[in-house]
Amino acid sequence: MNDEDFYAQTLLLDPVGKWASLRARPNMLEYVPKDRSDYDELARVAVAEEGRALMYVPNDRLDYGTLARIAVRGHGEALMYVPTDRDDYGEALMYVPTDRDDYGEIARIA
């Protein structure tokens, strides 16, 4: 089952069920309507679980910087999804744990 079909099956779940389903399949954030009142909460769950989910978050959101820091803190490679022309781009690198084996590679990206 692909993420879109999986997401369609979650539409009848209560908010806790939606969070739980995003923990199981974080990349289905792609199919979550961006105008949902709880989008920020769902995005936090998804990017904390899987940094790649950041690629589905519109980078013009007011809370994008916060979501990017959450993603990068847990998954340094998520930095590649942060647009380099953002004013706060350099700040995101501060949230990459320096003890990661791939820290040097991530720092070169920045």
Protein backbone atom coordinates (compact mmCIF):
# COMPACT_ATOMS: atom_id res chain seq x y z
CA MET A 1 0.00 0.00 0.00
CA ASN A 2 1.40 3.40 -0.91
CA ASP A 3 1.42 6.44 1.41
CA GLU A 4 -1.50 8.13 -0.34
CA ASP A 5 -3.75 5.10 0.12
CA PHE A 6 -2.56 4.71 3.70
CA TYR A 7 -3.37 8.38 4.40
CA ALA A 8 -6.84 8.00 2.89
CA GLN A 9 -7.52 5.23 5.37
CA THR A 10 -6.58 7.50 8.29
CA LEU A 11 -9.09 10.26 7.50
CA LEU A 12 -11.65 8.81 9.88
CA LEU A 13 -9.19 8.47 12.77
CA ASP A 14 -9.27 10.77 15.77
CA PRO A 15 -6.34 13.20 16.23
CA VAL A 16 -4.36 10.68 18.26
CA GLY A 17 -4.80 8.12 15.49
CA LYS A 18 -3.58 10.62 12.90
CA TRP A 19 -0.43 11.32 14.93
CA ALA A 20 0.15 7.62 15.39
CA SER A 21 -0.22 7.00 11.66
CA LEU A 22 2.31 9.75 10.88
CA ARG A 23 4.75 8.14 13.29
CA ALA A 24 4.34 4.90 11.35
CA ARG A 25 4.53 6.52 7.89
CA PRO A 26 5.99 10.06 8.26
CA ASN A 27 6.27 10.65 4.52
CA MET A 28 2.51 10.60 4.15
CA LEU A 29 2.74 14.20 5.36
CA GLU A 30 2.81 14.88 1.61
CA TYR A 31 -0.92 14.11 1.50
CA VAL A 32 -1.97 16.07 4.58
CA PRO A 33 -3.82 19.24 3.50
CA LYS A 34 -1.59 22.23 4.26
CA ASP A 35 -4.55 24.32 5.47
CA ARG A 36 -5.48 21.96 8.31
CA SER A 37 -5.68 23.75 11.64
CA ASP A 38 -3.45 21.08 13.21
CA TYR A 39 -0.96 20.85 10.32
CA ASP A 40 1.88 22.22 12.46
CA GLU A 41 1.37 19.51 15.08
CA LEU A 42 1.18 16.76 12.47
CA ALA A 43 4.27 18.12 10.68
CA ARG A 44 6.21 18.14 13.98
CA VAL A 45 5.41 14.47 14.50
CA ALA A 46 6.38 13.55 10.94
CA VAL A 47 9.68 15.48 10.74
CA ALA A 48 10.74 14.30 14.19
CA GLU A 49 10.22 10.71 13.10
CA GLU A 50 11.73 11.04 9.61
CA GLY A 51 13.74 14.07 8.52
CA ARG A 52 12.90 13.54 4.85
CA ALA A 53 9.30 14.48 5.63
CA LEU A 54 10.57 18.08 5.72
CA MET A 55 10.53 18.08 1.91
CA TYR A 56 6.71 18.09 2.09
CA VAL A 57 6.50 21.15 4.36
CA PRO A 58 5.99 24.42 2.44
CA ASN A 59 9.07 26.54 3.19
CA ASP A 60 7.05 29.75 3.33
CA ARG A 61 5.25 28.66 6.52
CA LEU A 62 5.91 30.87 9.53
CA ASP A 63 6.92 27.80 11.55
CA TYR A 64 9.17 26.32 8.85
CA GLY A 65 12.36 27.24 10.73
CA THR A 66 11.13 25.43 13.83
CA LEU A 67 10.11 22.37 11.82
CA ALA A 68 13.48 22.37 10.02
CA ARG A 69 15.35 22.49 13.34
CA ILE A 70 13.31 19.55 14.65
CA ALA A 71 14.03 17.55 11.48
CA VAL A 72 17.74 18.37 11.40
CA ARG A 73 18.25 17.75 15.12
CA GLY A 74 17.11 14.16 14.75
CA HIS A 75 18.16 13.57 11.17
CA GLY A 76 21.09 15.71 10.05
CA GLU A 77 20.61 14.73 6.44
CA ALA A 78 17.31 16.68 6.50
CA LEU A 79 19.47 19.79 6.04
CA MET A 80 19.49 19.00 2.32
CA TYR A 81 15.76 19.84 2.20
CA VAL A 82 16.23 23.30 3.73
CA PRO A 83 16.49 25.95 0.98
CA THR A 84 19.94 27.55 1.12
CA ASP A 85 18.50 30.99 0.39
CA ARG A 86 16.61 31.11 3.69
CA ASP A 87 17.92 33.69 6.17
CA ASP A 88 17.99 31.03 8.90
CA TYR A 89 19.73 28.34 6.81
CA GLY A 90 23.02 28.50 8.73
CA GLU A 91 21.19 28.16 12.03
CA ALA A 92 19.91 24.74 10.99
CA LEU A 93 23.44 23.31 10.98
CA MET A 94 23.72 24.13 14.69
CA TYR A 95 21.09 21.48 15.33
CA VAL A 96 22.99 18.64 13.67
CA PRO A 97 24.63 16.51 16.39
CA THR A 98 28.41 16.82 15.96
CA ASP A 99 29.00 13.21 17.02
CA ARG A 100 27.35 11.86 13.88
CA ASP A 101 29.60 9.79 11.63
CA ASP A 102 28.46 11.87 8.66
CA TYR A 103 28.73 15.29 10.35
CA GLY A 104 31.58 16.41 8.08
CA GLU A 105 29.58 15.57 4.98
CA ILE A 106 26.52 17.40 6.32
CA ALA A 107 28.62 20.44 7.26
CA ARG A 108 30.02 20.58 3.72
CA ILE A 109 26.46 20.72 2.38
CA ALA A 110 25.84 23.76 4.55
